[in-house]
Amino acid sequence: IAQEVEQVLPELVHTDGQGMKSVQYGNIVPLLVEWYKHEKVRADELE
């Protein structure tokens, strides 16, 4: 839901001239990969 994404990652949401919001899905993948790498390191440290 674009409004929910916008609260966390506003740079991933585009708002057109009529106020319609859309999520730029292609830009989410790099963020998810970096998040996963960070969480993997954190999990390894906790283990």
All heavy atoms as atom14 arrays in JSON, in Angstrom:
{
  "sequence": "IAQEVEQVLPELVHTDGQGMKSVQYGNIVPLLVEWYKHEKVRADELE",
  "atom14_mask": [
    [1, 1, 1, 1, 1, 1, 1, 1, 0, 0, 0, 0, 0, 0],
    [1, 1, 1, 1, 1, 0, 0, 0, 0, 0, 0, 0, 0, 0],
    [1, 1, 1, 1, 1, 1, 1, 1, 1, 0, 0, 0, 0, 0],
    [1, 1, 1, 1, 1, 1, 1, 1, 1, 0, 0, 0, 0, 0],
    [1, 1, 1, 1, 1, 1, 1, 0, 0, 0, 0, 0, 0, 0],
    [1, 1, 1, 1, 1, 1, 1, 1, 1, 0, 0, 0, 0, 0],
    [1, 1, 1, 1, 1, 1, 1, 1, 1, 0, 0, 0, 0, 0],
    [1, 1, 1, 1, 1, 1, 1, 0, 0, 0, 0, 0, 0, 0],
    [1, 1, 1, 1, 1, 1, 1, 1, 0, 0, 0, 0, 0, 0],
    [1, 1, 1, 1, 1, 1, 1, 0, 0, 0, 0, 0, 0, 0],
    [1, 1, 1, 1, 1, 1, 1, 1, 1, 0, 0, 0, 0, 0],
    [1, 1, 1, 1, 1, 1, 1, 1, 0, 0, 0, 0, 0, 0],
    [1, 1, 1, 1, 1, 1, 1, 0, 0, 0, 0, 0, 0, 0],
    [1, 1, 1, 1, 1, 1, 1, 1, 1, 1, 0, 0, 0, 0],
    [1, 1, 1, 1, 1, 1, 1, 0, 0, 0, 0, 0, 0, 0],
    [1, 1, 1, 1, 1, 1, 1, 1, 0, 0, 0, 0, 0, 0],
    [1, 1, 1, 1, 0, 0, 0, 0, 0, 0, 0, 0, 0, 0],
    [1, 1, 1, 1, 1, 1, 1, 1, 1, 0, 0, 0, 0, 0],
    [1, 1, 1, 1, 0, 0, 0, 0, 0, 0, 0, 0, 0, 0],
    [1, 1, 1, 1, 1, 1, 1, 1, 0, 0, 0, 0, 0, 0],
    [1, 1, 1, 1, 1, 1, 1, 1, 1, 0, 0, 0, 0, 0],
    [1, 1, 1, 1, 1, 1, 0, 0, 0, 0, 0, 0, 0, 0],
    [1, 1, 1, 1, 1, 1, 1, 0, 0, 0, 0, 0, 0, 0],
    [1, 1, 1, 1, 1, 1, 1, 1, 1, 0, 0, 0, 0, 0],
    [1, 1, 1, 1, 1, 1, 1, 1, 1, 1, 1, 1, 0, 0],
    [1, 1, 1, 1, 0, 0, 0, 0, 0, 0, 0, 0, 0, 0],
    [1, 1, 1, 1, 1, 1, 1, 1, 0, 0, 0, 0, 0, 0],
    [1, 1, 1, 1, 1, 1, 1, 1, 0, 0, 0, 0, 0, 0],
    [1, 1, 1, 1, 1, 1, 1, 0, 0, 0, 0, 0, 0, 0],
    [1, 1, 1, 1, 1, 1, 1, 0, 0, 0, 0, 0, 0, 0],
    [1, 1, 1, 1, 1, 1, 1, 1, 0, 0, 0, 0, 0, 0],
    [1, 1, 1, 1, 1, 1, 1, 1, 0, 0, 0, 0, 0, 0],
    [1, 1, 1, 1, 1, 1, 1, 0, 0, 0, 0, 0, 0, 0],
    [1, 1, 1, 1, 1, 1, 1, 1, 1, 0, 0, 0, 0, 0],
    [1, 1, 1, 1, 1, 1, 1, 1, 1, 1, 1, 1, 1, 1],
    [1, 1, 1, 1, 1, 1, 1, 1, 1, 1, 1, 1, 0, 0],
    [1, 1, 1, 1, 1, 1, 1, 1, 1, 0, 0, 0, 0, 0],
    [1, 1, 1, 1, 1, 1, 1, 1, 1, 1, 0, 0, 0, 0],
    [1, 1, 1, 1, 1, 1, 1, 1, 1, 0, 0, 0, 0, 0],
    [1, 1, 1, 1, 1, 1, 1, 1, 1, 0, 0, 0, 0, 0],
    [1, 1, 1, 1, 1, 1, 1, 0, 0, 0, 0, 0, 0, 0],
    [1, 1, 1, 1, 1, 1, 1, 1, 1, 1, 1, 0, 0, 0],
    [1, 1, 1, 1, 1, 0, 0, 0, 0, 0, 0, 0, 0, 0],
    [1, 1, 1, 1, 1, 1, 1, 1, 0, 0, 0, 0, 0, 0],
    [1, 1, 1, 1, 1, 1, 1, 1, 1, 0, 0, 0, 0, 0],
    [1, 1, 1, 1, 1, 1, 1, 1, 0, 0, 0, 0, 0, 0],
    [1, 1, 1, 1, 1, 1, 1, 1, 1, 0, 0, 0, 0, 0]
  ],
  "atom14_positions": [
    [[0.88, -1.17, 0.0], [0.0, 0.0, 0.0], [0.92, 1.22, 0.0], [1.74, 1.39, 0.9], [-0.93, -0.01, 1.23], [-1.85, -1.23, 1.15], [-1.72, 1.3, 1.32], [-2.68, -1.46, 2.39], [0.0, 0.0, 0.0], [0.0, 0.0, 0.0], [0.0, 0.0, 0.0], [0.0, 0.0, 0.0], [0.0, 0.0, 0.0], [0.0, 0.0, 0.0]],
    [[0.79, 2.04, -1.03], [1.71, 3.16, -1.23], [1.78, 4.08, -0.01], [2.88, 4.53, 0.37], [1.32, 3.95, -2.48], [0.0, 0.0, 0.0], [0.0, 0.0, 0.0], [0.0, 0.0, 0.0], [0.0, 0.0, 0.0], [0.0, 0.0, 0.0], [0.0, 0.0, 0.0], [0.0, 0.0, 0.0], [0.0, 0.0, 0.0], [0.0, 0.0, 0.0]],
    [[0.66, 4.35, 0.61], [0.66, 5.24, 1.78], [1.45, 4.65, 2.94], [2.1, 5.39, 3.69], [-0.79, 5.54, 2.22], [-1.55, 6.45, 1.27], [-2.14, 5.69, 0.08], [-1.89, 4.51, -0.13], [-2.93, 6.4, -0.72], [0.0, 0.0, 0.0], [0.0, 0.0, 0.0], [0.0, 0.0, 0.0], [0.0, 0.0, 0.0], [0.0, 0.0, 0.0]],
    [[1.43, 3.34, 3.09], [2.21, 2.7, 4.16], [3.69, 2.73, 3.85], [4.52, 2.97, 4.73], [1.72, 1.27, 4.37], [0.34, 1.18, 4.97], [-0.14, -0.25, 5.15], [0.59, -1.2, 4.79], [-1.27, -0.41, 5.65], [0.0, 0.0, 0.0], [0.0, 0.0, 0.0], [0.0, 0.0, 0.0], [0.0, 0.0, 0.0], [0.0, 0.0, 0.0]],
    [[4.04, 2.47, 2.6], [5.45, 2.53, 2.2], [5.96, 3.96, 2.37], [7.08, 4.18, 2.85], [5.63, 2.06, 0.74], [7.07, 2.27, 0.27], [5.23, 0.6, 0.6], [0.0, 0.0, 0.0], [0.0, 0.0, 0.0], [0.0, 0.0, 0.0], [0.0, 0.0, 0.0], [0.0, 0.0, 0.0], [0.0, 0.0, 0.0], [0.0, 0.0, 0.0]],
    [[5.15, 4.92, 2.0], [5.55, 6.32, 2.06], [5.93, 6.75, 3.47], [6.81, 7.59, 3.65], [4.42, 7.19, 1.52], [4.78, 8.64, 1.33], [3.67, 9.41, 0.66], [2.48, 9.17, 0.98], [3.99, 10.25, -0.2], [0.0, 0.0, 0.0], [0.0, 0.0, 0.0], [0.0, 0.0, 0.0], [0.0, 0.0, 0.0], [0.0, 0.0, 0.0]],
    [[5.28, 6.18, 4.48], [5.6, 6.53, 5.87], [7.0, 6.08, 6.26], [7.64, 6.69, 7.11], [4.57, 5.91, 6.81], [3.21, 6.51, 6.69], [2.17, 5.79, 7.54], [2.48, 4.82, 8.23], [0.94, 6.26, 7.48], [0.0, 0.0, 0.0], [0.0, 0.0, 0.0], [0.0, 0.0, 0.0], [0.0, 0.0, 0.0], [0.0, 0.0, 0.0]],
    [[7.47, 4.98, 5.66], [8.77, 4.41, 6.02], [9.85, 4.79, 5.02], [10.97, 5.15, 5.39], [8.66, 2.86, 6.11], [9.98, 2.25, 6.5], [7.56, 2.46, 7.07], [0.0, 0.0, 0.0], [0.0, 0.0, 0.0], [0.0, 0.0, 0.0], [0.0, 0.0, 0.0], [0.0, 0.0, 0.0], [0.0, 0.0, 0.0], [0.0, 0.0, 0.0]],
    [[9.53, 4.7, 3.73], [10.49, 4.96, 2.66], [9.84, 5.88, 1.6], [9.47, 5.43, 0.52], [10.93, 3.65, 2.01], [11.68, 2.68, 2.92], [11.73, 1.3, 2.31], [13.08, 3.2, 3.18], [0.0, 0.0, 0.0], [0.0, 0.0, 0.0], [0.0, 0.0, 0.0], [0.0, 0.0, 0.0], [0.0, 0.0, 0.0], [0.0, 0.0, 0.0]],
    [[9.71, 7.15, 1.92], [9.01, 8.05, 1.01], [9.66, 8.15, -0.37], [8.97, 8.43, -1.36], [9.04, 9.4, 1.73], [10.08, 9.28, 2.78], [10.19, 7.83, 3.11], [0.0, 0.0, 0.0], [0.0, 0.0, 0.0], [0.0, 0.0, 0.0], [0.0, 0.0, 0.0], [0.0, 0.0, 0.0], [0.0, 0.0, 0.0], [0.0, 0.0, 0.0]],
    [[10.95, 7.88, -0.46], [11.63, 7.97, -1.76], [11.19, 6.88, -2.73], [11.49, 6.94, -3.92], [13.16, 7.95, -1.58], [13.71, 6.68, -0.97], [13.72, 6.64, 0.56], [13.03, 7.45, 1.19], [14.44, 5.78, 1.1], [0.0, 0.0, 0.0], [0.0, 0.0, 0.0], [0.0, 0.0, 0.0], [0.0, 0.0, 0.0], [0.0, 0.0, 0.0]],
    [[10.48, 5.88, -2.25], [10.01, 4.8, -3.11], [8.59, 5.01, -3.63], [8.06, 4.18, -4.35], [10.06, 3.46, -2.36], [11.44, 2.97, -1.97], [11.31, 1.63, -1.24], [12.34, 2.83, -3.16], [0.0, 0.0, 0.0], [0.0, 0.0, 0.0], [0.0, 0.0, 0.0], [0.0, 0.0, 0.0], [0.0, 0.0, 0.0], [0.0, 0.0, 0.0]],
    [[7.99, 6.13, -3.24], [6.61, 6.39, -3.64], [6.56, 7.6, -4.57], [7.16, 8.65, -4.29], [5.71, 6.63, -2.41], [4.3, 6.99, -2.82], [5.7, 5.39, -1.52], [0.0, 0.0, 0.0], [0.0, 0.0, 0.0], [0.0, 0.0, 0.0], [0.0, 0.0, 0.0], [0.0, 0.0, 0.0], [0.0, 0.0, 0.0], [0.0, 0.0, 0.0]],
    [[5.87, 7.43, -5.67], [5.67, 8.52, -6.63], [4.22, 8.98, -6.54], [3.3, 8.17, -6.46], [5.96, 8.02, -8.06], [5.59, 9.01, -9.1], [6.32, 10.15, -9.32], [4.54, 9.06, -9.97], [5.76, 10.85, -10.28], [4.67, 10.21, -10.7], [0.0, 0.0, 0.0], [0.0, 0.0, 0.0], [0.0, 0.0, 0.0], [0.0, 0.0, 0.0]],
    [[4.04, 10.3, -6.51], [2.7, 10.87, -6.51], [2.53, 11.65, -7.81], [3.31, 12.56, -8.1], [2.49, 11.81, -5.31], [2.81, 11.1, -4.1], [1.06, 12.31, -5.24], [0.0, 0.0, 0.0], [0.0, 0.0, 0.0], [0.0, 0.0, 0.0], [0.0, 0.0, 0.0], [0.0, 0.0, 0.0], [0.0, 0.0, 0.0], [0.0, 0.0, 0.0]],
    [[1.53, 11.27, -8.59], [1.33, 11.95, -9.88], [0.57, 13.27, -9.67], [0.22, 13.64, -8.55], [0.61, 11.04, -10.89], [-0.84, 10.75, -10.54], [-1.41, 11.42, -9.66], [-1.41, 9.83, -11.18], [0.0, 0.0, 0.0], [0.0, 0.0, 0.0], [0.0, 0.0, 0.0], [0.0, 0.0, 0.0], [0.0, 0.0, 0.0], [0.0, 0.0, 0.0]],
    [[0.32, 13.99, -10.74], [-0.32, 15.29, -10.67], [-1.73, 15.27, -10.11], [-2.24, 16.3, -9.68], [0.0, 0.0, 0.0], [0.0, 0.0, 0.0], [0.0, 0.0, 0.0], [0.0, 0.0, 0.0], [0.0, 0.0, 0.0], [0.0, 0.0, 0.0], [0.0, 0.0, 0.0], [0.0, 0.0, 0.0], [0.0, 0.0, 0.0], [0.0, 0.0, 0.0]],
    [[-2.37, 14.12, -10.12], [-3.73, 13.99, -9.59], [-3.75, 13.46, -8.16], [-4.8, 13.17, -7.61], [-4.56, 13.09, -10.5], [-4.72, 13.64, -11.89], [-5.47, 12.69, -12.8], [-5.62, 11.51, -12.5], [-5.92, 13.2, -13.92], [0.0, 0.0, 0.0], [0.0, 0.0, 0.0], [0.0, 0.0, 0.0], [0.0, 0.0, 0.0], [0.0, 0.0, 0.0]],
    [[-2.56, 13.3, -7.56], [-2.47, 12.82, -6.19], [-2.47, 11.31, -6.04], [-2.48, 10.79, -4.94], [0.0, 0.0, 0.0], [0.0, 0.0, 0.0], [0.0, 0.0, 0.0], [0.0, 0.0, 0.0], [0.0, 0.0, 0.0], [0.0, 0.0, 0.0], [0.0, 0.0, 0.0], [0.0, 0.0, 0.0], [0.0, 0.0, 0.0], [0.0, 0.0, 0.0]],
    [[-2.47, 10.59, -7.18], [-2.42, 9.13, -7.12], [-1.01, 8.69, -6.78], [-0.04, 9.16, -7.37], [-2.85, 8.53, -8.46], [-4.3, 8.81, -8.81], [-5.47, 8.06, -7.68], [-5.21, 6.35, -8.03], [0.0, 0.0, 0.0], [0.0, 0.0, 0.0], [0.0, 0.0, 0.0], [0.0, 0.0, 0.0], [0.0, 0.0, 0.0], [0.0, 0.0, 0.0]],
    [[-0.9, 7.77, -5.84], [0.4, 7.29, -5.39], [0.68, 5.91, -5.96], [-0.21, 5.09, -6.1], [0.44, 7.24, -3.86], [0.29, 8.61, -3.22], [0.4, 8.52, -1.72], [0.2, 9.88, -1.08], [1.21, 10.83, -1.41], [0.0, 0.0, 0.0], [0.0, 0.0, 0.0], [0.0, 0.0, 0.0], [0.0, 0.0, 0.0], [0.0, 0.0, 0.0]],
    [[1.97, 5.68, -6.25], [2.38, 4.36, -6.72], [3.76, 4.06, -6.14], [4.56, 4.95, -5.88], [2.42, 4.31, -8.25], [3.33, 5.27, -8.75], [0.0, 0.0, 0.0], [0.0, 0.0, 0.0], [0.0, 0.0, 0.0], [0.0, 0.0, 0.0], [0.0, 0.0, 0.0], [0.0, 0.0, 0.0], [0.0, 0.0, 0.0], [0.0, 0.0, 0.0]],
    [[4.0, 2.79, -5.92], [5.27, 2.33, -5.36], [6.21, 1.98, -6.51], [5.83, 1.31, -7.47], [5.07, 1.1, -4.45], [6.39, 0.57, -3.94], [4.13, 1.44, -3.3], [0.0, 0.0, 0.0], [0.0, 0.0, 0.0], [0.0, 0.0, 0.0], [0.0, 0.0, 0.0], [0.0, 0.0, 0.0], [0.0, 0.0, 0.0], [0.0, 0.0, 0.0]],
    [[7.45, 2.43, -6.4], [8.46, 2.12, -7.4], [9.12, 0.8, -6.98], [10.14, 0.77, -6.31], [9.47, 3.25, -7.49], [8.84, 4.55, -7.93], [9.8, 5.72, -7.85], [10.95, 5.58, -7.47], [9.32, 6.89, -8.23], [0.0, 0.0, 0.0], [0.0, 0.0, 0.0], [0.0, 0.0, 0.0], [0.0, 0.0, 0.0], [0.0, 0.0, 0.0]],
    [[8.5, -0.3, -7.41], [8.91, -1.63, -6.95], [10.35, -1.99, -7.31], [11.03, -2.67, -6.55], [7.94, -2.69, -7.49], [6.64, -2.69, -6.76], [5.56, -1.95, -7.2], [6.49, -3.42, -5.58], [4.35, -1.93, -6.51], [5.29, -3.41, -4.88], [4.23, -2.67, -5.35], [3.06, -2.65, -4.65], [0.0, 0.0, 0.0], [0.0, 0.0, 0.0]],
    [[10.82, -1.55, -8.46], [12.18, -1.88, -8.86], [13.23, -1.34, -7.9], [14.33, -1.9, -7.79], [0.0, 0.0, 0.0], [0.0, 0.0, 0.0], [0.0, 0.0, 0.0], [0.0, 0.0, 0.0], [0.0, 0.0, 0.0], [0.0, 0.0, 0.0], [0.0, 0.0, 0.0], [0.0, 0.0, 0.0], [0.0, 0.0, 0.0], [0.0, 0.0, 0.0]],
    [[12.9, -0.27, -7.2], [13.86, 0.32, -6.26], [13.83, -0.35, -4.89], [14.67, -0.06, -4.05], [13.56, 1.82, -6.11], [13.77, 2.57, -7.39], [14.46, 2.1, -8.3], [13.17, 3.73, -7.52], [0.0, 0.0, 0.0], [0.0, 0.0, 0.0], [0.0, 0.0, 0.0], [0.0, 0.0, 0.0], [0.0, 0.0, 0.0], [0.0, 0.0, 0.0]],
    [[12.89, -1.23, -4.65], [12.8, -1.9, -3.36], [13.85, -3.01, -3.22], [14.4, -3.22, -2.15], [11.38, -2.48, -3.15], [10.39, -1.33, -2.96], [11.33, -3.42, -1.97], [8.95, -1.77, -2.85], [0.0, 0.0, 0.0], [0.0, 0.0, 0.0], [0.0, 0.0, 0.0], [0.0, 0.0, 0.0], [0.0, 0.0, 0.0], [0.0, 0.0, 0.0]],
    [[14.16, -3.69, -4.3], [15.06, -4.85, -4.25], [16.41, -4.51, -3.64], [16.87, -5.21, -2.71], [15.2, -5.51, -5.63], [16.24, -6.61, -5.62], [13.85, -6.04, -6.1], [0.0, 0.0, 0.0], [0.0, 0.0, 0.0], [0.0, 0.0, 0.0], [0.0, 0.0, 0.0], [0.0, 0.0, 0.0], [0.0, 0.0, 0.0], [0.0, 0.0, 0.0]],
    [[17.12, -3.46, -4.09], [18.41, -3.17, -3.46], [18.31, -2.9, -1.96], [19.18, -3.31, -1.19], [18.91, -1.93, -4.2], [18.15, -1.89, -5.47], [16.84, -2.56, -5.2], [0.0, 0.0, 0.0], [0.0, 0.0, 0.0], [0.0, 0.0, 0.0], [0.0, 0.0, 0.0], [0.0, 0.0, 0.0], [0.0, 0.0, 0.0], [0.0, 0.0, 0.0]],
    [[17.23, -2.23, -1.55], [17.05, -1.97, -0.12], [16.84, -3.26, 0.66], [17.38, -3.44, 1.75], [15.86, -1.04, 0.09], [16.03, 0.38, -0.4], [14.72, 1.14, -0.28], [17.13, 1.09, 0.37], [0.0, 0.0, 0.0], [0.0, 0.0, 0.0], [0.0, 0.0, 0.0], [0.0, 0.0, 0.0], [0.0, 0.0, 0.0], [0.0, 0.0, 0.0]],
    [[16.07, -4.18, 0.09], [15.83, -5.45, 0.76], [17.11, -6.28, 0.86], [17.35, -6.94, 1.88], [14.75, -6.24, 0.04], [13.33, -5.65, 0.13], [12.37, -6.48, -0.71], [12.87, -5.58, 1.57], [0.0, 0.0, 0.0], [0.0, 0.0, 0.0], [0.0, 0.0, 0.0], [0.0, 0.0, 0.0], [0.0, 0.0, 0.0], [0.0, 0.0, 0.0]],
    [[17.92, -6.25, -0.17], [19.18, -6.99, -0.15], [20.1, -6.43, 0.95], [20.69, -7.19, 1.73], [19.88, -6.97, -1.52], [21.3, -7.49, -1.44], [19.06, -7.76, -2.54], [0.0, 0.0, 0.0], [0.0, 0.0, 0.0], [0.0, 0.0, 0.0], [0.0, 0.0, 0.0], [0.0, 0.0, 0.0], [0.0, 0.0, 0.0], [0.0, 0.0, 0.0]],
    [[20.21, -5.11, 1.02], [21.05, -4.5, 2.05], [20.51, -4.78, 3.45], [21.27, -5.05, 4.37], [21.17, -2.99, 1.83], [22.06, -2.63, 0.67], [23.46, -3.19, 0.8], [24.09, -3.07, 1.88], [23.94, -3.79, -0.19], [0.0, 0.0, 0.0], [0.0, 0.0, 0.0], [0.0, 0.0, 0.0], [0.0, 0.0, 0.0], [0.0, 0.0, 0.0]],
    [[19.19, -4.73, 3.61], [18.58, -5.05, 4.89], [18.89, -6.49, 5.29], [19.25, -6.77, 6.42], [17.07, -4.83, 4.81], [16.35, -5.36, 6.02], [16.2, -4.72, 7.22], [15.73, -6.63, 6.16], [15.51, -5.53, 8.09], [15.21, -6.72, 7.46], [15.57, -7.71, 5.3], [14.54, -7.84, 7.92], [14.9, -8.83, 5.77], [14.4, -8.87, 7.07]],
    [[18.77, -7.41, 4.32], [19.03, -8.82, 4.6], [20.49, -9.01, 5.03], [20.76, -9.72, 6.01], [18.72, -9.68, 3.37], [19.07, -11.13, 3.61], [18.21, -11.96, 4.3], [20.29, -11.65, 3.19], [18.54, -13.28, 4.56], [20.63, -12.97, 3.44], [19.75, -13.77, 4.13], [20.1, -15.07, 4.39], [0.0, 0.0, 0.0], [0.0, 0.0, 0.0]],
    [[21.42, -8.39, 4.33], [22.84, -8.53, 4.69], [23.08, -8.02, 6.11], [23.78, -8.67, 6.9], [23.73, -7.79, 3.7], [23.76, -8.44, 2.33], [24.8, -7.88, 1.38], [24.88, -6.42, 1.25], [25.73, -5.94, 0.16], [0.0, 0.0, 0.0], [0.0, 0.0, 0.0], [0.0, 0.0, 0.0], [0.0, 0.0, 0.0], [0.0, 0.0, 0.0]],
    [[22.49, -6.89, 6.45], [22.64, -6.32, 7.79], [22.06, -7.26, 8.84], [22.69, -7.52, 9.88], [21.95, -4.96, 7.84], [21.86, -4.39, 9.21], [22.93, -3.81, 9.85], [20.83, -4.33, 10.09], [22.56, -3.43, 11.05], [21.29, -3.73, 11.23], [0.0, 0.0, 0.0], [0.0, 0.0, 0.0], [0.0, 0.0, 0.0], [0.0, 0.0, 0.0]],
    [[20.87, -7.77, 8.59], [20.22, -8.66, 9.56], [20.96, -9.98, 9.69], [21.01, -10.57, 10.78], [18.76, -8.9, 9.17], [17.89, -7.67, 9.37], [17.9, -7.19, 10.82], [17.65, -7.99, 11.73], [18.17, -5.98, 11.02], [0.0, 0.0, 0.0], [0.0, 0.0, 0.0], [0.0, 0.0, 0.0], [0.0, 0.0, 0.0], [0.0, 0.0, 0.0]],
    [[21.57, -10.47, 8.61], [22.35, -11.71, 8.66], [23.56, -11.53, 9.57], [23.85, -12.39, 10.42], [22.78, -12.11, 7.25], [23.68, -13.32, 7.18], [22.91, -14.59, 7.42], [23.78, -15.8, 7.13], [24.1, -16.55, 8.32], [0.0, 0.0, 0.0], [0.0, 0.0, 0.0], [0.0, 0.0, 0.0], [0.0, 0.0, 0.0], [0.0, 0.0, 0.0]],
    [[24.26, -10.42, 9.43], [25.41, -10.13, 10.29], [24.94, -10.04, 11.74], [25.57, -10.61, 12.65], [26.11, -8.82, 9.85], [27.1, -8.34, 10.9], [26.79, -9.01, 8.51], [0.0, 0.0, 0.0], [0.0, 0.0, 0.0], [0.0, 0.0, 0.0], [0.0, 0.0, 0.0], [0.0, 0.0, 0.0], [0.0, 0.0, 0.0], [0.0, 0.0, 0.0]],
    [[23.85, -9.34, 11.97], [23.31, -9.19, 13.33], [22.94, -10.55, 13.92], [23.24, -10.84, 15.09], [22.1, -8.27, 13.28], [21.54, -7.94, 14.61], [20.52, -6.81, 14.48], [19.87, -6.6, 15.73], [18.66, -7.04, 16.05], [17.95, -7.71, 15.17], [18.13, -6.81, 17.23], [0.0, 0.0, 0.0], [0.0, 0.0, 0.0], [0.0, 0.0, 0.0]],
    [[22.28, -11.39, 13.14], [21.89, -12.72, 13.63], [23.12, -13.56, 13.95], [23.15, -14.26, 14.97], [21.03, -13.43, 12.59], [0.0, 0.0, 0.0], [0.0, 0.0, 0.0], [0.0, 0.0, 0.0], [0.0, 0.0, 0.0], [0.0, 0.0, 0.0], [0.0, 0.0, 0.0], [0.0, 0.0, 0.0], [0.0, 0.0, 0.0], [0.0, 0.0, 0.0]],
    [[24.14, -13.5, 13.1], [25.37, -14.26, 13.36], [26.04, -13.8, 14.66], [26.51, -14.61, 15.44], [26.35, -14.11, 12.19], [25.87, -14.82, 10.93], [24.93, -15.65, 11.01], [26.42, -14.53, 9.84], [0.0, 0.0, 0.0], [0.0, 0.0, 0.0], [0.0, 0.0, 0.0], [0.0, 0.0, 0.0], [0.0, 0.0, 0.0], [0.0, 0.0, 0.0]],
    [[26.07, -12.48, 14.88], [26.66, -11.95, 16.1], [25.88, -12.4, 17.33], [26.46, -12.77, 18.35], [26.71, -10.42, 16.05], [27.73, -9.88, 15.06], [27.62, -8.37, 14.85], [26.66, -7.75, 15.37], [28.49, -7.83, 14.15], [0.0, 0.0, 0.0], [0.0, 0.0, 0.0], [0.0, 0.0, 0.0], [0.0, 0.0, 0.0], [0.0, 0.0, 0.0]],
    [[24.56, -12.39, 17.24], [23.73, -12.82, 18.36], [23.91, -14.31, 18.64], [23.96, -14.73, 19.81], [22.27, -12.49, 18.1], [21.92, -11.01, 18.15], [20.48, -10.78, 17.68], [22.12, -10.44, 19.55], [0.0, 0.0, 0.0], [0.0, 0.0, 0.0], [0.0, 0.0, 0.0], [0.0, 0.0, 0.0], [0.0, 0.0, 0.0], [0.0, 0.0, 0.0]],
    [[24.02, -15.11, 17.6], [24.26, -16.55, 17.79], [25.59, -16.79, 18.49], [25.68, -17.65, 19.36], [24.21, -17.28, 16.44], [22.81, -17.42, 15.89], [22.79, -18.13, 14.54], [23.78, -18.78, 14.16], [21.76, -18.01, 13.85], [0.0, 0.0, 0.0], [0.0, 0.0, 0.0], [0.0, 0.0, 0.0], [0.0, 0.0, 0.0], [0.0, 0.0, 0.0]]
  ]
}
